C-alpha atoms as a PDB file:
ATOM      1  CA  MET A   1       0.000   0.000   0.000  1.00  0.00           C
ATOM      2  CA  GLN A   2       1.211   3.479  -0.848  1.00  0.00           C
ATOM      3  CA  ASP A   3       2.089   5.689   2.110  1.00  0.00           C
ATOM      4  CA  THR A   4      -0.421   8.265   0.872  1.00  0.00           C
ATOM      5  CA  ARG A   5      -2.750   9.938   3.343  1.00  0.00           C
ATOM      6  CA  ILE A   6      -5.771  11.750   1.987  1.00  0.00           C
ATOM      7  CA  ARG A   7      -7.896  13.714   4.452  1.00  0.00           C
ATOM      8  CA  LEU A   8     -11.459  14.379   3.288  1.00  0.00           C
ATOM      9  CA  GLY A   9     -14.660  15.612   4.875  1.00  0.00           C
ATOM     10  CA  LEU A  10     -18.309  16.530   4.403  1.00  0.00           C
ATOM     11  CA  ILE A  11     -19.789  19.866   5.472  1.00  0.00           C
ATOM     12  CA  GLY A  12     -23.544  19.815   6.086  1.00  0.00           C
ATOM     13  CA  ASP A  13     -26.169  20.319   8.777  1.00  0.00           C
ATOM     14  CA  ASN A  14     -27.991  16.961   8.839  1.00  0.00           C
ATOM     15  CA  ILE A  15     -25.352  14.365   8.000  1.00  0.00           C
ATOM     16  CA  ALA A  16     -25.281  11.942  10.921  1.00  0.00           C
ATOM     17  CA  SER A  17     -26.608   9.179   8.647  1.00  0.00           C
ATOM     18  CA  SER A  18     -24.418  10.046   5.652  1.00  0.00           C
ATOM     19  CA  GLN A  19     -22.680   7.067   4.085  1.00  0.00           C
ATOM     20  CA  SER A  20     -20.043   9.239   2.401  1.00  0.00           C
ATOM     21  CA  PRO A  21     -17.352   8.405   4.987  1.00  0.00           C
ATOM     22  CA  ARG A  22     -17.832   4.689   4.321  1.00  0.00           C
ATOM     23  CA  LEU A  23     -17.823   5.105   0.549  1.00  0.00           C
ATOM     24  CA  HIS A  24     -14.597   7.101   0.413  1.00  0.00           C
ATOM     25  CA  GLU A  25     -12.759   5.048   3.009  1.00  0.00           C
ATOM     26  CA  ILE A  26     -13.688   1.782   1.257  1.00  0.00           C
ATOM     27  CA  ALA A  27     -12.765   3.269  -2.122  1.00  0.00           C
ATOM     28  CA  GLY A  28      -9.441   4.308  -0.625  1.00  0.00           C
ATOM     29  CA  ARG A  29      -8.688   0.777   0.577  1.00  0.00           C
ATOM     30  CA  LEU A  30      -9.630  -0.671  -2.808  1.00  0.00           C
ATOM     31  CA  SER A  31      -7.256   1.815  -4.463  1.00  0.00           C
ATOM     32  CA  GLY A  32      -4.357   1.296  -2.054  1.00  0.00           C
ATOM     33  CA  LEU A  33      -4.750   4.702  -0.422  1.00  0.00           C
ATOM     34  CA  LYS A  34      -5.064   5.758   3.216  1.00  0.00           C
ATOM     35  CA  VAL A  35      -8.222   7.854   3.233  1.00  0.00           C
ATOM     36  CA  THR A  36      -9.919   9.475   6.216  1.00  0.00           C
ATOM     37  CA  TYR A  37     -13.279  11.189   5.906  1.00  0.00           C
ATOM     38  CA  GLU A  38     -14.889  13.363   8.599  1.00  0.00           C
ATOM     39  CA  ARG A  39     -18.386  14.709   9.209  1.00  0.00           C
ATOM     40  CA  LEU A  40     -18.226  18.478   9.742  1.00  0.00           C
ATOM     41  CA  VAL A  41     -21.442  20.040  11.075  1.00  0.00           C
ATOM     42  CA  PRO A  42     -21.100  23.826  11.547  1.00  0.00           C
ATOM     43  CA  PRO A  43     -23.873  24.252  14.180  1.00  0.00           C
ATOM     44  CA  ARG A  44     -22.510  21.413  16.306  1.00  0.00           C
ATOM     45  CA  ARG A  45     -19.012  22.883  16.127  1.00  0.00           C
ATOM     46  CA  GLY A  46     -20.326  26.323  17.104  1.00  0.00           C
ATOM     47  CA  GLN A  47     -18.922  27.716  13.863  1.00  0.00           C
ATOM     48  CA  THR A  48     -20.183  29.286  10.669  1.00  0.00           C
ATOM     49  CA  PHE A  49     -19.833  27.526   7.336  1.00  0.00           C
ATOM     50  CA  ASP A  50     -16.943  29.823   6.383  1.00  0.00           C
ATOM     51  CA  GLU A  51     -15.131  29.088   9.642  1.00  0.00           C
ATOM     52  CA  VAL A  52     -15.371  25.335   9.029  1.00  0.00           C
ATOM     53  CA  PHE A  53     -14.280  25.792   5.411  1.00  0.00           C
ATOM     54  CA  ASP A  54     -11.241  27.836   6.479  1.00  0.00           C
ATOM     55  CA  ALA A  55     -10.370  25.256   9.148  1.00  0.00           C
ATOM     56  CA  CYS A  56     -10.305  22.541   6.483  1.00  0.00           C
ATOM     57  CA  ILE A  57      -7.777  24.548   4.482  1.00  0.00           C
ATOM     58  CA  ALA A  58      -5.649  25.288   7.543  1.00  0.00           C
ATOM     59  CA  ASP A  59      -5.742  21.644   8.690  1.00  0.00           C
ATOM     60  CA  GLY A  60      -4.470  20.258   5.399  1.00  0.00           C
ATOM     61  CA  PHE A  61      -7.574  18.597   3.982  1.00  0.00           C
ATOM     62  CA  THR A  62      -7.165  17.341   0.418  1.00  0.00           C
ATOM     63  CA  GLY A  63     -10.773  18.244  -0.309  1.00  0.00           C
ATOM     64  CA  ILE A  64     -14.331  18.194   0.940  1.00  0.00           C
ATOM     65  CA  ASN A  65     -17.832  17.410  -0.136  1.00  0.00           C
ATOM     66  CA  VAL A  66     -20.529  19.983   0.591  1.00  0.00           C
ATOM     67  CA  THR A  67     -24.192  19.177   1.135  1.00  0.00           C
ATOM     68  CA  TYR A  68     -27.455  20.800   2.268  1.00  0.00           C
ATOM     69  CA  PRO A  69     -27.721  23.701   2.902  1.00  0.00           C
ATOM     70  CA  TYR A  70     -24.320  24.938   1.677  1.00  0.00           C
ATOM     71  CA  LYS A  71     -23.991  23.831  -1.975  1.00  0.00           C
ATOM     72  CA  GLU A  72     -24.852  27.249  -3.370  1.00  0.00           C
ATOM     73  CA  ARG A  73     -23.150  29.268  -0.647  1.00  0.00           C
ATOM     74  CA  VAL A  74     -19.770  27.590  -1.207  1.00  0.00           C
ATOM     75  CA  VAL A  75     -19.528  28.801  -4.824  1.00  0.00           C
ATOM     76  CA  ALA A  76     -18.423  32.272  -3.705  1.00  0.00           C
ATOM     77  CA  ARG A  77     -15.305  30.694  -2.179  1.00  0.00           C
ATOM     78  CA  LEU A  78     -14.272  28.825  -5.329  1.00  0.00           C
ATOM     79  CA  THR A  79     -13.044  28.966  -8.867  1.00  0.00           C
ATOM     80  CA  VAL A  80     -15.163  26.684 -11.062  1.00  0.00           C
ATOM     81  CA  PRO A  81     -13.164  25.551 -14.115  1.00  0.00           C
ATOM     82  CA  ASP A  82     -16.004  23.856 -16.034  1.00  0.00           C
ATOM     83  CA  PRO A  83     -18.420  26.381 -17.633  1.00  0.00           C
ATOM     84  CA  ALA A  84     -21.249  23.824 -17.442  1.00  0.00           C
ATOM     85  CA  ILE A  85     -20.767  23.505 -13.683  1.00  0.00           C
ATOM     86  CA  ALA A  86     -20.457  27.277 -13.305  1.00  0.00           C
ATOM     87  CA  ALA A  87     -23.863  27.565 -14.984  1.00  0.00           C
ATOM     88  CA  VAL A  88     -25.360  25.200 -12.397  1.00  0.00           C
ATOM     89  CA  GLY A  89     -24.406  27.649  -9.635  1.00  0.00           C
ATOM     90  CA  ALA A  90     -23.850  24.997  -6.965  1.00  0.00           C
ATOM     91  CA  CYS A  91     -20.904  22.794  -6.020  1.00  0.00           C
ATOM     92  CA  ASN A  92     -20.679  19.679  -3.883  1.00  0.00           C
ATOM     93  CA  THR A  93     -16.990  18.815  -4.315  1.00  0.00           C
ATOM     94  CA  VAL A  94     -14.020  21.056  -3.473  1.00  0.00           C
ATOM     95  CA  LEU A  95     -10.283  20.535  -4.032  1.00  0.00           C
ATOM     96  CA  PHE A  96      -7.881  22.572  -1.901  1.00  0.00           C
ATOM     97  CA  ALA A  97      -4.751  22.209  -4.061  1.00  0.00           C
ATOM     98  CA  SER A  98      -5.109  25.744  -5.464  1.00  0.00           C
ATOM     99  CA  ASP A  99      -5.979  29.223  -4.203  1.00  0.00           C
ATOM    100  CA  PRO A 100      -8.872  29.791  -4.487  1.00  0.00           C
ATOM    101  CA  PRO A 101      -9.957  26.144  -4.209  1.00  0.00           C
ATOM    102  CA  ARG A 102     -11.548  24.516  -7.252  1.00  0.00           C
ATOM    103  CA  GLY A 103     -15.221  23.546  -7.263  1.00  0.00           C
ATOM    104  CA  PHE A 104     -17.043  20.739  -9.049  1.00  0.00           C
ATOM    105  CA  ASN A 105     -20.550  19.270  -9.082  1.00  0.00           C
ATOM    106  CA  THR A 106     -20.616  15.497  -9.034  1.00  0.00           C
ATOM    107  CA  ASP A 107     -24.363  15.575  -8.334  1.00  0.00           C
ATOM    108  CA  PHE A 108     -24.642  16.727 -11.974  1.00  0.00           C
ATOM    109  CA  THR A 109     -22.392  14.034 -13.442  1.00  0.00           C
ATOM    110  CA  GLY A 110     -23.613  11.435 -10.961  1.00  0.00           C
ATOM    111  CA  PHE A 111     -27.287  12.015 -11.805  1.00  0.00           C
ATOM    112  CA  VAL A 112     -26.654  11.522 -15.518  1.00  0.00           C
ATOM    113  CA  ALA A 113     -24.740   8.281 -14.880  1.00  0.00           C
ATOM    114  CA  ALA A 114     -27.332   7.014 -12.387  1.00  0.00           C
ATOM    115  CA  PHE A 115     -30.254   7.729 -14.740  1.00  0.00           C
ATOM    116  CA  ARG A 116     -28.626   5.911 -17.653  1.00  0.00           C
ATOM    117  CA  ASN A 117     -27.650   2.936 -15.520  1.00  0.00           C
ATOM    118  CA  SER A 118     -31.063   2.696 -13.842  1.00  0.00           C
ATOM    119  CA  PHE A 119     -33.388   3.261 -16.801  1.00  0.00           C
ATOM    120  CA  GLY A 120     -31.234   2.444 -19.858  1.00  0.00           C
ATOM    121  CA  ALA A 121     -28.782   4.505 -21.866  1.00  0.00           C
ATOM    122  CA  GLY A 122     -31.326   5.468 -24.530  1.00  0.00           C
ATOM    123  CA  THR A 123     -34.240   6.279 -22.209  1.00  0.00           C
ATOM    124  CA  GLN A 124     -35.684   9.774 -22.601  1.00  0.00           C
ATOM    125  CA  PRO A 125     -36.901  11.530 -19.439  1.00  0.00           C
ATOM    126  CA  GLY A 126     -40.079  12.831 -21.114  1.00  0.00           C
ATOM    127  CA  ARG A 127     -42.113  15.486 -19.325  1.00  0.00           C
ATOM    128  CA  VAL A 128     -40.589  15.856 -15.884  1.00  0.00           C
ATOM    129  CA  ALA A 129     -41.974  17.371 -12.682  1.00  0.00           C
ATOM    130  CA  MET A 130     -39.310  18.429 -10.214  1.00  0.00           C
ATOM    131  CA  ILE A 131     -40.014  19.559  -6.667  1.00  0.00           C
ATOM    132  CA  GLY A 132     -37.168  21.611  -5.211  1.00  0.00           C
ATOM    133  CA  ALA A 133     -34.823  24.130  -6.829  1.00  0.00           C
ATOM    134  CA  GLY A 134     -31.959  24.183  -4.334  1.00  0.00           C
ATOM    135  CA  GLY A 135     -28.422  22.886  -4.750  1.00  0.00           C
ATOM    136  CA  VAL A 136     -29.222  19.318  -5.777  1.00  0.00           C
ATOM    137  CA  GLY A 137     -32.213  20.513  -7.811  1.00  0.00           C
ATOM    138  CA  LYS A 138     -29.920  22.706  -9.880  1.00  0.00           C
ATOM    139  CA  ALA A 139     -27.603  19.790 -10.633  1.00  0.00           C
ATOM    140  CA  VAL A 140     -30.502  17.493 -11.532  1.00  0.00           C
ATOM    141  CA  ALA A 141     -32.156  20.078 -13.797  1.00  0.00           C
ATOM    142  CA  PHE A 142     -28.959  20.547 -15.803  1.00  0.00           C
ATOM    143  CA  GLY A 143     -28.524  16.763 -15.831  1.00  0.00           C
ATOM    144  CA  LEU A 144     -32.022  16.387 -17.302  1.00  0.00           C
ATOM    145  CA  ALA A 145     -31.034  18.817 -20.044  1.00  0.00           C
ATOM    146  CA  GLN A 146     -28.006  16.694 -20.880  1.00  0.00           C
ATOM    147  CA  LEU A 147     -30.219  13.596 -21.008  1.00  0.00           C
ATOM    148  CA  GLY A 148     -32.398  15.178 -23.691  1.00  0.00           C
ATOM    149  CA  CYS A 149     -35.339  16.279 -21.564  1.00  0.00           C
ATOM    150  CA  ARG A 150     -37.578  18.726 -23.408  1.00  0.00           C
ATOM    151  CA  GLN A 151     -39.858  19.949 -20.591  1.00  0.00           C
ATOM    152  CA  ILE A 152     -39.360  20.483 -16.859  1.00  0.00           C
ATOM    153  CA  ARG A 153     -42.233  21.615 -14.670  1.00  0.00           C
ATOM    154  CA  LEU A 154     -40.680  23.081 -11.548  1.00  0.00           C
ATOM    155  CA  PHE A 155     -42.080  23.892  -8.120  1.00  0.00           C
ATOM    156  CA  ASP A 156     -40.283  25.328  -5.099  1.00  0.00           C
ATOM    157  CA  ARG A 157     -41.827  27.102  -2.131  1.00  0.00           C
ATOM    158  CA  ASP A 158     -39.306  29.873  -2.823  1.00  0.00           C
ATOM    159  CA  GLN A 159     -40.697  31.061  -6.165  1.00  0.00           C
ATOM    160  CA  ALA A 160     -37.792  33.446  -6.784  1.00  0.00           C
ATOM    161  CA  ARG A 161     -35.361  30.549  -6.477  1.00  0.00           C
ATOM    162  CA  ALA A 162     -37.450  28.483  -8.896  1.00  0.00           C
ATOM    163  CA  GLU A 163     -37.567  31.361 -11.381  1.00  0.00           C
ATOM    164  CA  GLY A 164     -33.804  31.797 -11.128  1.00  0.00           C
ATOM    165  CA  LEU A 165     -33.176  28.134 -11.866  1.00  0.00           C
ATOM    166  CA  ALA A 166     -35.648  28.147 -14.742  1.00  0.00           C
ATOM    167  CA  GLN A 167     -33.906  31.122 -16.352  1.00  0.00           C
ATOM    168  CA  SER A 168     -30.424  29.651 -16.032  1.00  0.00           C
ATOM    169  CA  VAL A 169     -31.486  26.260 -17.467  1.00  0.00           C
ATOM    170  CA  ARG A 170     -33.335  27.878 -20.373  1.00  0.00           C
ATOM    171  CA  LYS A 171     -30.242  29.936 -21.160  1.00  0.00           C
ATOM    172  CA  ALA A 172     -27.928  26.929 -21.077  1.00  0.00           C
ATOM    173  CA  ALA A 173     -30.170  24.388 -22.847  1.00  0.00           C
ATOM    174  CA  GLU A 174     -31.695  25.562 -26.105  1.00  0.00           C
ATOM    175  CA  GLY A 175     -34.980  23.836 -26.848  1.00  0.00           C
ATOM    176  CA  LEU A 176     -35.702  22.896 -23.232  1.00  0.00           C
ATOM    177  CA  THR A 177     -38.941  24.315 -21.844  1.00  0.00           C
ATOM    178  CA  VAL A 178     -38.897  25.054 -18.110  1.00  0.00           C
ATOM    179  CA  ASP A 179     -42.178  26.098 -16.515  1.00  0.00           C
ATOM    180  CA  VAL A 180     -42.411  27.403 -12.963  1.00  0.00           C
ATOM    181  CA  CYS A 181     -45.598  26.168 -11.304  1.00  0.00           C
ATOM    182  CA  ALA A 182     -47.575  27.556  -8.396  1.00  0.00           C
ATOM    183  CA  SER A 183     -47.981  24.218  -6.609  1.00  0.00           C
ATOM    184  CA  ALA A 184     -46.668  20.669  -6.533  1.00  0.00           C
ATOM    185  CA  GLU A 185     -50.044  19.515  -7.850  1.00  0.00           C
ATOM    186  CA  GLU A 186     -49.739  21.761 -10.900  1.00  0.00           C
ATOM    187  CA  ALA A 187     -46.145  20.693 -11.543  1.00  0.00           C
ATOM    188  CA  THR A 188     -46.894  16.968 -11.389  1.00  0.00           C
ATOM    189  CA  ASP A 189     -50.065  17.010 -13.486  1.00  0.00           C
ATOM    190  CA  ALA A 190     -49.672  14.463 -16.334  1.00  0.00           C
ATOM    191  CA  ALA A 191     -45.911  14.169 -15.777  1.00  0.00           C
ATOM    192  CA  ASP A 192     -43.893  11.217 -17.108  1.00  0.00           C
ATOM    193  CA  GLY A 193     -41.195  11.573 -14.472  1.00  0.00           C
ATOM    194  CA  LEU A 194     -41.438  12.685 -10.829  1.00  0.00           C
ATOM    195  CA  ILE A 195     -38.430  14.023  -8.949  1.00  0.00           C
ATOM    196  CA  ASN A 196     -38.013  15.086  -5.337  1.00  0.00           C
ATOM    197  CA  CYS A 197     -35.050  17.403  -4.780  1.00  0.00           C
ATOM    198  CA  THR A 198     -36.118  18.659  -1.364  1.00  0.00           C
ATOM    199  CA  PRO A 199     -34.957  17.264   1.999  1.00  0.00           C
ATOM    200  CA  VAL A 200     -38.505  16.016   2.681  1.00  0.00           C
ATOM    201  CA  GLY A 201     -38.283  12.283   3.321  1.00  0.00           C
ATOM    202  CA  MET A 202     -34.787  12.471   4.799  1.00  0.00           C
ATOM    203  CA  VAL A 203     -34.147  11.341   8.353  1.00  0.00           C
ATOM    204  CA  GLY A 204     -35.419  14.256  10.425  1.00  0.00           C
ATOM    205  CA  TYR A 205     -37.699  15.556   7.631  1.00  0.00           C
ATOM    206  CA  PRO A 206     -40.578  13.036   7.403  1.00  0.00           C
ATOM    207  CA  GLY A 207     -43.229  12.959   4.683  1.00  0.00           C
ATOM    208  CA  SER A 208     -43.357  13.280   0.906  1.00  0.00           C
ATOM    209  CA  ALA A 209     -43.090  16.419  -1.214  1.00  0.00           C
ATOM    210  CA  VAL A 210     -44.790  14.710  -4.182  1.00  0.00           C
ATOM    211  CA  PRO A 211     -48.615  14.460  -4.175  1.00  0.00           C
ATOM    212  CA  ASP A 212     -49.926  10.886  -4.232  1.00  0.00           C
ATOM    213  CA  GLY A 213     -52.249  11.776  -7.095  1.00  0.00           C
ATOM    214  CA  ALA A 214     -49.272  12.276  -9.401  1.00  0.00           C
ATOM    215  CA  LEU A 215     -48.419   8.573  -9.200  1.00  0.00           C
ATOM    216  CA  LYS A 216     -51.449   7.632 -11.299  1.00  0.00           C
ATOM    217  CA  THR A 217     -50.036   8.878 -14.608  1.00  0.00           C
ATOM    218  CA  ALA A 218     -46.228   8.933 -14.218  1.00  0.00           C
ATOM    219  CA  ARG A 219     -43.932   6.147 -15.441  1.00  0.00           C
ATOM    220  CA  TRP A 220     -40.780   6.772 -13.373  1.00  0.00           C
ATOM    221  CA  ALA A 221     -39.716   8.422 -10.117  1.00  0.00           C
ATOM    222  CA  PHE A 222     -36.485   9.596  -8.524  1.00  0.00           C
ATOM    223  CA  ASP A 223     -35.865  10.789  -4.978  1.00  0.00           C
ATOM    224  CA  ALA A 224     -32.576  12.587  -4.292  1.00  0.00           C
ATOM    225  CA  VAL A 225     -32.870  11.572  -0.622  1.00  0.00           C
ATOM    226  CA  TYR A 226     -30.957   8.387   0.230  1.00  0.00           C
ATOM    227  CA  THR A 227     -31.136   8.298   4.034  1.00  0.00           C
ATOM    228  CA  PRO A 228     -33.377   6.358   4.173  1.00  0.00           C
ATOM    229  CA  VAL A 229     -33.263   4.698   0.749  1.00  0.00           C
ATOM    230  CA  ASP A 230     -36.931   3.696   0.944  1.00  0.00           C
ATOM    231  CA  THR A 231     -38.516   7.099   1.379  1.00  0.00           C
ATOM    232  CA  GLN A 232     -42.264   7.497   1.704  1.00  0.00           C
ATOM    233  CA  PHE A 233     -42.333   8.887  -1.850  1.00  0.00           C
ATOM    234  CA  LEU A 234     -40.446   5.952  -3.414  1.00  0.00           C
ATOM    235  CA  VAL A 235     -42.406   3.336  -1.469  1.00  0.00           C
ATOM    236  CA  ALA A 236     -45.634   4.848  -2.828  1.00  0.00           C
ATOM    237  CA  ALA A 237     -44.176   5.093  -6.348  1.00  0.00           C
ATOM    238  CA  ARG A 238     -43.074   1.447  -6.322  1.00  0.00           C
ATOM    239  CA  SER A 239     -46.517   0.369  -5.070  1.00  0.00           C
ATOM    240  CA  ALA A 240     -48.095   2.319  -7.944  1.00  0.00           C
ATOM    241  CA  GLY A 241     -45.991   0.409 -10.476  1.00  0.00           C
ATOM    242  CA  LEU A 242     -43.534   3.162 -11.408  1.00  0.00           C
ATOM    243  CA  ALA A 243     -39.926   2.439 -12.347  1.00  0.00           C
ATOM    244  CA  ILE A 244     -37.857   4.001  -9.574  1.00  0.00           C
ATOM    245  CA  MET A 245     -34.363   5.286  -9.029  1.00  0.00           C
ATOM    246  CA  SER A 246     -33.354   5.780  -5.427  1.00  0.00           C
ATOM    247  CA  GLY A 247     -31.158   8.514  -4.081  1.00  0.00           C
ATOM    248  CA  TYR A 248     -28.630   5.802  -3.286  1.00  0.00           C
ATOM    249  CA  GLU A 249     -27.798   5.598  -7.012  1.00  0.00           C
ATOM    250  CA  LEU A 250     -27.065   9.322  -7.132  1.00  0.00           C
ATOM    251  CA  PHE A 251     -25.061   8.981  -3.920  1.00  0.00           C
ATOM    252  CA  PHE A 252     -23.007   6.129  -5.400  1.00  0.00           C
ATOM    253  CA  TYR A 253     -22.170   7.721  -8.744  1.00  0.00           C
ATOM    254  CA  GLN A 254     -21.509  11.194  -7.368  1.00  0.00           C
ATOM    255  CA  GLY A 255     -19.213   9.540  -4.815  1.00  0.00           C
ATOM    256  CA  VAL A 256     -17.291   7.659  -7.498  1.00  0.00           C
ATOM    257  CA  ASP A 257     -16.842  10.893  -9.453  1.00  0.00           C
ATOM    258  CA  ALA A 258     -15.777  12.817  -6.339  1.00  0.00           C
ATOM    259  CA  PHE A 259     -13.280  10.099  -5.379  1.00  0.00           C
ATOM    260  CA  ARG A 260     -11.731  10.374  -8.849  1.00  0.00           C
ATOM    261  CA  LEU A 261     -11.346  14.137  -8.401  1.00  0.00           C
ATOM    262  CA  PHE A 262      -9.889  13.799  -4.906  1.00  0.00           C
ATOM    263  CA  THR A 263      -7.396  11.055  -5.746  1.00  0.00           C
ATOM    264  CA  GLY A 264      -7.005  10.696  -9.515  1.00  0.00           C
ATOM    265  CA  GLU A 265      -7.973   7.023  -9.110  1.00  0.00           C
ATOM    266  CA  GLU A 266     -10.685   4.976 -10.841  1.00  0.00           C
ATOM    267  CA  VAL A 267     -12.137   2.752  -8.129  1.00  0.00           C
ATOM    268  CA  ASP A 268     -13.477  -0.701  -8.999  1.00  0.00           C
ATOM    269  CA  GLN A 269     -17.202   0.087  -8.965  1.00  0.00           C
ATOM    270  CA  GLN A 270     -18.430  -3.480  -8.609  1.00  0.00           C
ATOM    271  CA  ALA A 271     -16.117  -4.115  -5.676  1.00  0.00           C
ATOM    272  CA  LEU A 272     -17.152  -0.806  -4.105  1.00  0.00           C
ATOM    273  CA  ARG A 273     -20.848  -1.654  -4.403  1.00  0.00           C
ATOM    274  CA  ARG A 274     -20.264  -5.095  -2.949  1.00  0.00           C
ATOM    275  CA  GLN A 275     -18.294  -3.842   0.030  1.00  0.00           C
ATOM    276  CA  LEU A 276     -20.778  -1.045   0.709  1.00  0.00           C
ATOM    277  CA  LYS A 277     -23.603  -3.607   0.772  1.00  0.00           C
ATOM    278  CA  ASP A 278     -21.606  -5.882   3.049  1.00  0.00           C
ATOM    279  CA  SER A 279     -20.943  -3.015   5.472  1.00  0.00           C
ATOM    280  CA  GLU A 280     -23.244  -2.171   8.340  1.00  0.00           C
ATOM    281  CA  GLY A 281     -26.091   0.139   7.389  1.00  0.00           C
ATOM    282  CA  ALA A 282     -25.909  -0.457   3.631  1.00  0.00           C
ATOM    283  CA  PRO A 283     -29.194  -0.994   1.766  1.00  0.00           C
END
């Protein structure tokens, strides 16, 4: 094994159940690297996000992942080399090897890979209803554009945020219609695909953001939440006969992409899946 130590972490507010430490530490072992991965919760540390971010730089972290509610906030601290990621306006992966640090969005790349692997490489998303326009919602919306989606019907309780996302996606994806809706019911009416990009359904945020009535006409569903994997929304969608993609698939592929950025290594994905399943708490 190489004598290479890579210190990583995750900054977020509700990450006690995150499986990211396990994924990166297992991937490190499979790649012959010594990887540590820490949960960094600003409120519990009595610090602001910026104070935790600065501490990671000072303490010699190789990089960090960033999750809810900091994916958009972190962008101001970064240089974002990929114009497509800059257009998303949110980052979940940071490398500290430069000043300012470099930002990436493996939610974007991970969603595209997860969709193709779950539903088939040639599957078209169709008419998609998406609830939530925050950090992960931005990545998923741009991912839908890359997958050839032609219409997104978007709802967020913060209408200004939804309008902002709609404008940026329209600008970046010619031919893609993005409609901002006044309610989840309006957004999901006659949709082919249903997507939850809110924290509703996550441990600590019970319920479903997607109306049950929408399940009658849709053909597929995706929930960005993966703790738990079987959210109320996905359980209902499976019972209604929809093809489903769990948030675990996004978690897995974004993690593989982030590990590549952190280390330059291509982890054995089959071995990683197997060891994650064999580990305590895996689905």
